[in-house]
Structure formats: C-alpha cells, structure tokens
C-alpha cells in the first residue's frame, strides 16, 4: 500500500512515454507494458521521480475524488512494479 509521506520513483528498467490518453510504461527487464490513464497521474509520477514525496506531488491534483482515484492508480503501479520506494 502506498504511503503519502514516502518518496517513490520509477523502478529500475522502467521508462515512460507520454501518450494522448496519459502514458505507457515499459519495463525493460520484464518486458511488461502498463497503460497509465487518469487525470494528472503522469504529473504526479514525474514530480515523485524528481524527488518529491507523494503528499507534495499530490498537491498538483485538485479535488478529493480525483485524489482518491490517484491513490488507487498509484497503488496499481506500485503492485505492477512500475514504481518503487525511493531510498
């Protein structure tokens, strides 16, 4: 489960390509493709990858309903190995 006080980044071997619907992540190690959809998900990932904690990166997203969906999306990316906790 993702924690808002922690910092996350892209997992090793994962790259992201922007697309009109959001983005596609590709893991070069596992050859897994993951579609990233949803309002602002890519912006939050980029902010976290630049060193922001999740709570700080979430300030880019407006509204509790959108934030709830964002947490669900990020939990999915964490479980699929797209994101990992930054050390």
PDB file of N, CA and C in Angstrom:
ATOM      1  N   UNK A   1       0.849  -1.187   0.000  1.00  0.00           N
ATOM      2  CA  UNK A   1       0.000   0.000   0.000  1.00  0.00           C
ATOM      3  C   UNK A   1       0.888   1.241   0.000  1.00  0.00           C
ATOM      4  N   UNK A   2       0.582   2.150  -0.840  1.00  0.00           N
ATOM      5  CA  UNK A   2       1.369   3.368  -0.982  1.00  0.00           C
ATOM      6  C   UNK A   2       1.134   4.295   0.210  1.00  0.00           C
ATOM      7  N   UNK A   3       2.188   4.927   0.673  1.00  0.00           N
ATOM      8  CA  UNK A   3       2.131   5.843   1.816  1.00  0.00           C
ATOM      9  C   UNK A   3       2.418   7.264   1.332  1.00  0.00           C
ATOM     10  N   UNK A   4       1.575   8.207   1.709  1.00  0.00           N
ATOM     11  CA  UNK A   4       1.717   9.579   1.205  1.00  0.00           C
ATOM     12  C   UNK A   4       2.950  10.295   1.746  1.00  0.00           C
ATOM     13  N   UNK A   5       3.518   9.823   2.855  1.00  0.00           N
ATOM     14  CA  UNK A   5       4.681  10.502   3.431  1.00  0.00           C
ATOM     15  C   UNK A   5       6.000  10.021   2.831  1.00  0.00           C
ATOM     16  N   UNK A   6       5.951   8.963   2.030  1.00  0.00           N
ATOM     17  CA  UNK A   6       7.172   8.414   1.452  1.00  0.00           C
ATOM     18  C   UNK A   6       7.436   8.969   0.058  1.00  0.00           C
ATOM     19  N   UNK A   7       8.666   8.787  -0.373  1.00  0.00           N
ATOM     20  CA  UNK A   7       9.056   9.164  -1.734  1.00  0.00           C
ATOM     21  C   UNK A   7       9.095   7.909  -2.593  1.00  0.00           C
ATOM     22  N   UNK A   8       8.627   8.016  -3.819  1.00  0.00           N
ATOM     23  CA  UNK A   8       8.630   6.914  -4.771  1.00  0.00           C
ATOM     24  C   UNK A   8       9.303   7.382  -6.049  1.00  0.00           C
ATOM     25  N   UNK A   9       9.778   6.437  -6.821  1.00  0.00           N
ATOM     26  CA  UNK A   9      10.375   6.742  -8.115  1.00  0.00           C
ATOM     27  C   UNK A   9      10.069   5.595  -9.056  1.00  0.00           C
ATOM     28  N   UNK A  10      10.410   5.781 -10.327  1.00  0.00           N
ATOM     29  CA  UNK A  10      10.252   4.695 -11.279  1.00  0.00           C
ATOM     30  C   UNK A  10      11.180   3.554 -10.888  1.00  0.00           C
ATOM     31  N   UNK A  11      10.717   2.346 -11.046  1.00  0.00           N
ATOM     32  CA  UNK A  11      11.540   1.172 -10.749  1.00  0.00           C
ATOM     33  C   UNK A  11      12.672   1.075 -11.772  1.00  0.00           C
ATOM     34  N   UNK A  12      13.716   0.363 -11.399  1.00  0.00           N
ATOM     35  CA  UNK A  12      14.840   0.158 -12.306  1.00  0.00           C
ATOM     36  C   UNK A  12      14.357  -0.491 -13.597  1.00  0.00           C
ATOM     37  N   UNK A  13      14.835   0.017 -14.717  1.00  0.00           N
ATOM     38  CA  UNK A  13      14.482  -0.534 -16.013  1.00  0.00           C
ATOM     39  C   UNK A  13      13.168  -0.042 -16.579  1.00  0.00           C
ATOM     40  N   UNK A  14      12.460   0.838 -15.863  1.00  0.00           N
ATOM     41  CA  UNK A  14      11.154   1.328 -16.326  1.00  0.00           C
ATOM     42  C   UNK A  14      11.310   2.701 -16.971  1.00  0.00           C
ATOM     43  N   UNK A  15      10.721   2.837 -18.136  1.00  0.00           N
ATOM     44  CA  UNK A  15      10.661   4.139 -18.806  1.00  0.00           C
ATOM     45  C   UNK A  15       9.201   4.448 -19.106  1.00  0.00           C
ATOM     46  N   UNK A  16       8.927   5.733 -19.269  1.00  0.00           N
ATOM     47  CA  UNK A  16       7.553   6.183 -19.531  1.00  0.00           C
ATOM     48  C   UNK A  16       7.533   7.027 -20.800  1.00  0.00           C
ATOM     49  N   UNK A  17       6.533   6.767 -21.620  1.00  0.00           N
ATOM     50  CA  UNK A  17       6.330   7.563 -22.835  1.00  0.00           C
ATOM     51  C   UNK A  17       4.953   8.212 -22.753  1.00  0.00           C
ATOM     52  N   UNK A  18       4.922   9.526 -22.916  1.00  0.00           N
ATOM     53  CA  UNK A  18       3.647  10.258 -22.900  1.00  0.00           C
ATOM     54  C   UNK A  18       2.823   9.882 -24.122  1.00  0.00           C
ATOM     55  N   UNK A  19       1.524   9.788 -23.893  1.00  0.00           N
ATOM     56  CA  UNK A  19       0.560   9.483 -24.947  1.00  0.00           C
ATOM     57  C   UNK A  19      -0.652  10.392 -24.763  1.00  0.00           C
ATOM     58  N   UNK A  20      -1.508  10.546 -25.780  1.00  0.00           N
ATOM     59  CA  UNK A  20      -2.690  11.400 -25.645  1.00  0.00           C
ATOM     60  C   UNK A  20      -3.617  10.995 -24.493  1.00  0.00           C
ATOM     61  N   UNK A  21      -3.681   9.717 -24.156  1.00  0.00           N
ATOM     62  CA  UNK A  21      -4.559   9.238 -23.091  1.00  0.00           C
ATOM     63  C   UNK A  21      -3.883   9.264 -21.725  1.00  0.00           C
ATOM     64  N   UNK A  22      -2.594   9.528 -21.663  1.00  0.00           N
ATOM     65  CA  UNK A  22      -1.822   9.518 -20.416  1.00  0.00           C
ATOM     66  C   UNK A  22      -0.389   9.127 -20.696  1.00  0.00           C
ATOM     67  N   UNK A  23      -0.081   7.825 -20.525  1.00  0.00           N
ATOM     68  CA  UNK A  23       1.272   7.352 -20.778  1.00  0.00           C
ATOM     69  C   UNK A  23       1.302   5.830 -20.853  1.00  0.00           C
ATOM     70  N   UNK A  24       2.423   5.331 -21.354  1.00  0.00           N
ATOM     71  CA  UNK A  24       2.715   3.904 -21.350  1.00  0.00           C
ATOM     72  C   UNK A  24       4.025   3.730 -20.615  1.00  0.00           C
ATOM     73  N   UNK A  25       4.050   2.800 -19.669  1.00  0.00           N
ATOM     74  CA  UNK A  25       5.317   2.470 -19.024  1.00  0.00           C
ATOM     75  C   UNK A  25       5.792   1.147 -19.602  1.00  0.00           C
ATOM     76  N   UNK A  26       7.102   1.047 -19.753  1.00  0.00           N
ATOM     77  CA  UNK A  26       7.708  -0.170 -20.278  1.00  0.00           C
ATOM     78  C   UNK A  26       8.842  -0.575 -19.365  1.00  0.00           C
ATOM     79  N   UNK A  27       8.804  -1.806 -18.887  1.00  0.00           N
ATOM     80  CA  UNK A  27       9.866  -2.332 -18.051  1.00  0.00           C
ATOM     81  C   UNK A  27      10.792  -3.145 -18.939  1.00  0.00           C
ATOM     82  N   UNK A  28      12.015  -2.664 -19.123  1.00  0.00           N
ATOM     83  CA  UNK A  28      12.978  -3.329 -19.999  1.00  0.00           C
ATOM     84  C   UNK A  28      13.440  -4.669 -19.435  1.00  0.00           C
ATOM     85  N   UNK A  29      13.312  -4.849 -18.123  1.00  0.00           N
ATOM     86  CA  UNK A  29      13.749  -6.097 -17.502  1.00  0.00           C
ATOM     87  C   UNK A  29      12.715  -7.209 -17.651  1.00  0.00           C
ATOM     88  N   UNK A  30      11.427  -6.862 -17.492  1.00  0.00           N
ATOM     89  CA  UNK A  30      10.364  -7.866 -17.561  1.00  0.00           C
ATOM     90  C   UNK A  30       9.581  -7.813 -18.870  1.00  0.00           C
ATOM     91  N   UNK A  31       9.842  -6.790 -19.674  1.00  0.00           N
ATOM     92  CA  UNK A  31       9.141  -6.559 -20.943  1.00  0.00           C
ATOM     93  C   UNK A  31       7.648  -6.287 -20.747  1.00  0.00           C
ATOM     94  N   UNK A  32       7.279  -5.782 -19.589  1.00  0.00           N
ATOM     95  CA  UNK A  32       5.881  -5.525 -19.267  1.00  0.00           C
ATOM     96  C   UNK A  32       5.496  -4.103 -19.667  1.00  0.00           C
ATOM     97  N   UNK A  33       4.370  -3.986 -20.368  1.00  0.00           N
ATOM     98  CA  UNK A  33       3.770  -2.696 -20.701  1.00  0.00           C
ATOM     99  C   UNK A  33       2.614  -2.440 -19.754  1.00  0.00           C
ATOM    100  N   UNK A  34       2.513  -1.205 -19.254  1.00  0.00           N
ATOM    101  CA  UNK A  34       1.391  -0.820 -18.395  1.00  0.00           C
ATOM    102  C   UNK A  34       0.850   0.504 -18.907  1.00  0.00           C
ATOM    103  N   UNK A  35      -0.431   0.557 -19.172  1.00  0.00           N
ATOM    104  CA  UNK A  35      -1.076   1.804 -19.587  1.00  0.00           C
ATOM    105  C   UNK A  35      -1.349   2.643 -18.352  1.00  0.00           C
ATOM    106  N   UNK A  36      -1.037   3.927 -18.438  1.00  0.00           N
ATOM    107  CA  UNK A  36      -1.277   4.855 -17.344  1.00  0.00           C
ATOM    108  C   UNK A  36      -2.303   5.871 -17.834  1.00  0.00           C
ATOM    109  N   UNK A  37      -3.475   5.795 -17.256  1.00  0.00           N
ATOM    110  CA  UNK A  37      -4.537   6.721 -17.621  1.00  0.00           C
ATOM    111  C   UNK A  37      -4.960   7.476 -16.375  1.00  0.00           C
ATOM    112  N   UNK A  38      -5.747   8.476 -16.579  1.00  0.00           N
ATOM    113  CA  UNK A  38      -6.251   9.231 -15.439  1.00  0.00           C
ATOM    114  C   UNK A  38      -5.637  10.609 -15.390  1.00  0.00           C
ATOM    115  N   UNK A  39      -6.425  11.502 -14.900  1.00  0.00           N
ATOM    116  CA  UNK A  39      -6.055  12.906 -14.852  1.00  0.00           C
ATOM    117  C   UNK A  39      -4.898  13.143 -13.879  1.00  0.00           C
ATOM    118  N   UNK A  40      -3.789  13.630 -14.395  1.00  0.00           N
ATOM    119  CA  UNK A  40      -2.690  14.052 -13.551  1.00  0.00           C
ATOM    120  C   UNK A  40      -1.739  12.974 -13.069  1.00  0.00           C
ATOM    121  N   UNK A  41      -1.990  11.702 -13.396  1.00  0.00           N
ATOM    122  CA  UNK A  41      -1.134  10.623 -12.890  1.00  0.00           C
ATOM    123  C   UNK A  41       0.308  10.830 -13.340  1.00  0.00           C
ATOM    124  N   UNK A  42       0.497  11.154 -14.602  1.00  0.00           N
ATOM    125  CA  UNK A  42       1.854  11.341 -15.120  1.00  0.00           C
ATOM    126  C   UNK A  42       2.561  12.499 -14.425  1.00  0.00           C
ATOM    127  N   UNK A  43       1.854  13.591 -14.175  1.00  0.00           N
ATOM    128  CA  UNK A  43       2.452  14.737 -13.479  1.00  0.00           C
ATOM    129  C   UNK A  43       2.911  14.364 -12.077  1.00  0.00           C
ATOM    130  N   UNK A  44       2.112  13.564 -11.375  1.00  0.00           N
ATOM    131  CA  UNK A  44       2.472  13.127 -10.023  1.00  0.00           C
ATOM    132  C   UNK A  44       3.693  12.201 -10.084  1.00  0.00           C
ATOM    133  N   UNK A  45       3.719  11.283 -11.038  1.00  0.00           N
ATOM    134  CA  UNK A  45       4.868  10.381 -11.182  1.00  0.00           C
ATOM    135  C   UNK A  45       6.133  11.179 -11.468  1.00  0.00           C
ATOM    136  N   UNK A  46       6.040  12.157 -12.372  1.00  0.00           N
ATOM    137  CA  UNK A  46       7.214  12.973 -12.704  1.00  0.00           C
ATOM    138  C   UNK A  46       7.709  13.761 -11.492  1.00  0.00           C
ATOM    139  N   UNK A  47       6.791  14.300 -10.697  1.00  0.00           N
ATOM    140  CA  UNK A  47       7.181  15.051  -9.503  1.00  0.00           C
ATOM    141  C   UNK A  47       7.857  14.135  -8.483  1.00  0.00           C
ATOM    142  N   UNK A  48       7.324  12.929  -8.312  1.00  0.00           N
ATOM    143  CA  UNK A  48       7.946  11.987  -7.376  1.00  0.00           C
ATOM    144  C   UNK A  48       9.306  11.534  -7.894  1.00  0.00           C
ATOM    145  N   UNK A  49       9.416  11.318  -9.186  1.00  0.00           N
ATOM    146  CA  UNK A  49      10.681  10.886  -9.770  1.00  0.00           C
ATOM    147  C   UNK A  49      11.748  11.967  -9.627  1.00  0.00           C
ATOM    148  N   UNK A  50      11.312  13.221  -9.492  1.00  0.00           N
ATOM    149  CA  UNK A  50      12.235  14.345  -9.302  1.00  0.00           C
ATOM    150  C   UNK A  50      12.589  14.537  -7.830  1.00  0.00           C
ATOM    151  N   UNK A  51      12.036  13.691  -6.934  1.00  0.00           N
ATOM    152  CA  UNK A  51      12.416  13.743  -5.535  1.00  0.00           C
ATOM    153  C   UNK A  51      11.344  14.187  -4.558  1.00  0.00           C
ATOM    154  N   UNK A  52      10.155  14.506  -5.040  1.00  0.00           N
ATOM    155  CA  UNK A  52       9.070  14.938  -4.155  1.00  0.00           C
ATOM    156  C   UNK A  52       8.440  13.725  -3.471  1.00  0.00           C
ATOM    157  N   UNK A  53       7.991  13.897  -2.225  1.00  0.00           N
ATOM    158  CA  UNK A  53       7.218  12.829  -1.580  1.00  0.00           C
ATOM    159  C   UNK A  53       5.827  12.824  -2.217  1.00  0.00           C
ATOM    160  N   UNK A  54       5.090  11.764  -2.000  1.00  0.00           N
ATOM    161  CA  UNK A  54       3.774  11.638  -2.619  1.00  0.00           C
ATOM    162  C   UNK A  54       2.834  12.757  -2.190  1.00  0.00           C
ATOM    163  N   UNK A  55       2.847  13.113  -0.909  1.00  0.00           N
ATOM    164  CA  UNK A  55       1.952  14.175  -0.424  1.00  0.00           C
ATOM    165  C   UNK A  55       2.224  15.484  -1.156  1.00  0.00           C
ATOM    166  N   UNK A  56       3.480  15.803  -1.351  1.00  0.00           N
ATOM    167  CA  UNK A  56       3.849  17.025  -2.063  1.00  0.00           C
ATOM    168  C   UNK A  56       3.459  16.941  -3.541  1.00  0.00           C
ATOM    169  N   UNK A  57       3.700  15.803  -4.151  1.00  0.00           N
ATOM    170  CA  UNK A  57       3.354  15.618  -5.564  1.00  0.00           C
ATOM    171  C   UNK A  57       1.843  15.658  -5.770  1.00  0.00           C
ATOM    172  N   UNK A  58       1.082  15.191  -4.775  1.00  0.00           N
ATOM    173  CA  UNK A  58      -0.376  15.175  -4.892  1.00  0.00           C
ATOM    174  C   UNK A  58      -0.978  16.581  -4.884  1.00  0.00           C
ATOM    175  N   UNK A  59      -0.235  17.558  -4.425  1.00  0.00           N
ATOM    176  CA  UNK A  59      -0.743  18.941  -4.445  1.00  0.00           C
ATOM    177  C   UNK A  59      -0.985  19.429  -5.866  1.00  0.00           C
ATOM    178  N   UNK A  60      -0.435  18.718  -6.849  1.00  0.00           N
ATOM    179  CA  UNK A  60      -0.657  19.059  -8.253  1.00  0.00           C
ATOM    180  C   UNK A  60      -2.063  18.685  -8.709  1.00  0.00           C
ATOM    181  N   UNK A  61      -2.720  17.825  -7.943  1.00  0.00           N
ATOM    182  CA  UNK A  61      -4.031  17.298  -8.315  1.00  0.00           C
ATOM    183  C   UNK A  61      -5.093  17.938  -7.429  1.00  0.00           C
ATOM    184  N   UNK A  62      -6.145  18.409  -8.032  1.00  0.00           N
ATOM    185  CA  UNK A  62      -7.213  19.080  -7.295  1.00  0.00           C
ATOM    186  C   UNK A  62      -8.383  18.148  -7.046  1.00  0.00           C
ATOM    187  N   UNK A  63      -8.979  18.262  -5.881  1.00  0.00           N
ATOM    188  CA  UNK A  63     -10.221  17.557  -5.570  1.00  0.00           C
ATOM    189  C   UNK A  63     -10.015  16.219  -4.888  1.00  0.00           C
ATOM    190  N   UNK A  64     -10.801  15.952  -3.844  1.00  0.00           N
ATOM    191  CA  UNK A  64     -10.696  14.704  -3.092  1.00  0.00           C
ATOM    192  C   UNK A  64     -11.033  13.483  -3.938  1.00  0.00           C
ATOM    193  N   UNK A  65     -12.018  13.617  -4.825  1.00  0.00           N
ATOM    194  CA  UNK A  65     -12.418  12.483  -5.667  1.00  0.00           C
ATOM    195  C   UNK A  65     -11.293  12.100  -6.615  1.00  0.00           C
ATOM    196  N   UNK A  66     -10.645  13.094  -7.200  1.00  0.00           N
ATOM    197  CA  UNK A  66      -9.521  12.835  -8.097  1.00  0.00           C
ATOM    198  C   UNK A  66      -8.362  12.242  -7.306  1.00  0.00           C
ATOM    199  N   UNK A  67      -8.102  12.749  -6.119  1.00  0.00           N
ATOM    200  CA  UNK A  67      -7.012  12.231  -5.287  1.00  0.00           C
ATOM    201  C   UNK A  67      -7.244  10.782  -4.902  1.00  0.00           C
ATOM    202  N   UNK A  68      -8.466  10.421  -4.589  1.00  0.00           N
ATOM    203  CA  UNK A  68      -8.785   9.042  -4.238  1.00  0.00           C
ATOM    204  C   UNK A  68      -8.487   8.116  -5.416  1.00  0.00           C
ATOM    205  N   UNK A  69      -8.893   8.517  -6.591  1.00  0.00           N
ATOM    206  CA  UNK A  69      -8.600   7.741  -7.799  1.00  0.00           C
ATOM    207  C   UNK A  69      -7.119   7.681  -8.084  1.00  0.00           C
ATOM    208  N   UNK A  70      -6.407   8.754  -7.759  1.00  0.00           N
ATOM    209  CA  UNK A  70      -4.967   8.810  -7.969  1.00  0.00           C
ATOM    210  C   UNK A  70      -4.260   7.794  -7.070  1.00  0.00           C
ATOM    211  N   UNK A  71      -4.672   7.720  -5.813  1.00  0.00           N
ATOM    212  CA  UNK A  71      -4.077   6.757  -4.879  1.00  0.00           C
ATOM    213  C   UNK A  71      -4.300   5.338  -5.394  1.00  0.00           C
ATOM    214  N   UNK A  72      -5.508   5.049  -5.880  1.00  0.00           N
ATOM    215  CA  UNK A  72      -5.800   3.731  -6.444  1.00  0.00           C
ATOM    216  C   UNK A  72      -4.890   3.429  -7.632  1.00  0.00           C
ATOM    217  N   UNK A  73      -4.731   4.410  -8.516  1.00  0.00           N
ATOM    218  CA  UNK A  73      -3.875   4.229  -9.695  1.00  0.00           C
ATOM    219  C   UNK A  73      -2.421   4.001  -9.285  1.00  0.00           C
ATOM    220  N   UNK A  74      -1.937   4.775  -8.329  1.00  0.00           N
ATOM    221  CA  UNK A  74      -0.550   4.634  -7.891  1.00  0.00           C
ATOM    222  C   UNK A  74      -0.326   3.312  -7.163  1.00  0.00           C
ATOM    223  N   UNK A  75      -1.307   2.849  -6.397  1.00  0.00           N
ATOM    224  CA  UNK A  75      -1.218   1.524  -5.774  1.00  0.00           C
ATOM    225  C   UNK A  75      -1.086   0.440  -6.844  1.00  0.00           C
ATOM    226  N   UNK A  76      -1.843   0.583  -7.921  1.00  0.00           N
ATOM    227  CA  UNK A  76      -1.748  -0.374  -9.026  1.00  0.00           C
ATOM    228  C   UNK A  76      -0.381  -0.361  -9.676  1.00  0.00           C
ATOM    229  N   UNK A  77       0.178   0.825  -9.862  1.00  0.00           N
ATOM    230  CA  UNK A  77       1.514   0.935 -10.464  1.00  0.00           C
ATOM    231  C   UNK A  77       2.583   0.372  -9.537  1.00  0.00           C
ATOM    232  N   UNK A  78       2.412   0.569  -8.241  1.00  0.00           N
ATOM    233  CA  UNK A  78       3.347   0.018  -7.264  1.00  0.00           C
ATOM    234  C   UNK A  78       3.297  -1.522  -7.298  1.00  0.00           C
ATOM    235  N   UNK A  79       2.092  -2.076  -7.331  1.00  0.00           N
ATOM    236  CA  UNK A  79       1.949  -3.531  -7.328  1.00  0.00           C
ATOM    237  C   UNK A  79       2.436  -4.167  -8.634  1.00  0.00           C
ATOM    238  N   UNK A  80       2.418  -3.415  -9.720  1.00  0.00           N
ATOM    239  CA  UNK A  80       2.886  -3.934 -11.009  1.00  0.00           C
ATOM    240  C   UNK A  80       4.382  -3.704 -11.229  1.00  0.00           C
ATOM    241  N   UNK A  81       5.032  -3.067 -10.258  1.00  0.00           N
ATOM    242  CA  UNK A  81       6.474  -2.878 -10.362  1.00  0.00           C
ATOM    243  C   UNK A  81       6.894  -1.680 -11.182  1.00  0.00           C
ATOM    244  N   UNK A  82       5.960  -0.776 -11.500  1.00  0.00           N
ATOM    245  CA  UNK A  82       6.319   0.440 -12.235  1.00  0.00           C
ATOM    246  C   UNK A  82       6.992   1.435 -11.295  1.00  0.00           C
ATOM    247  N   UNK A  83       6.475   1.539 -10.064  1.00  0.00           N
ATOM    248  CA  UNK A  83       7.033   2.419  -9.056  1.00  0.00           C
ATOM    249  C   UNK A  83       7.689   1.603  -7.945  1.00  0.00           C
ATOM    250  N   UNK A  84       8.631   2.222  -7.275  1.00  0.00           N
ATOM    251  CA  UNK A  84       9.223   1.613  -6.091  1.00  0.00           C
ATOM    252  C   UNK A  84       9.559   2.722  -5.117  1.00  0.00           C
ATOM    253  N   UNK A  85       9.704   2.362  -3.862  1.00  0.00           N
ATOM    254  CA  UNK A  85      10.063   3.341  -2.850  1.00  0.00           C
ATOM    255  C   UNK A  85      11.467   3.849  -3.121  1.00  0.00           C
ATOM    256  N   UNK A  86      11.635   5.168  -3.042  1.00  0.00           N
ATOM    257  CA  UNK A  86      12.959   5.764  -3.239  1.00  0.00           C
ATOM    258  C   UNK A  86      13.748   5.634  -1.957  1.00  0.00           C
ATOM    259  N   UNK A  87      15.029   5.386  -2.095  1.00  0.00           N
ATOM    260  CA  UNK A  87      15.856   5.249  -0.889  1.00  0.00           C
ATOM    261  C   UNK A  87      16.534   6.547  -0.530  1.00  0.00           C
TER     262      UNK A  87
END
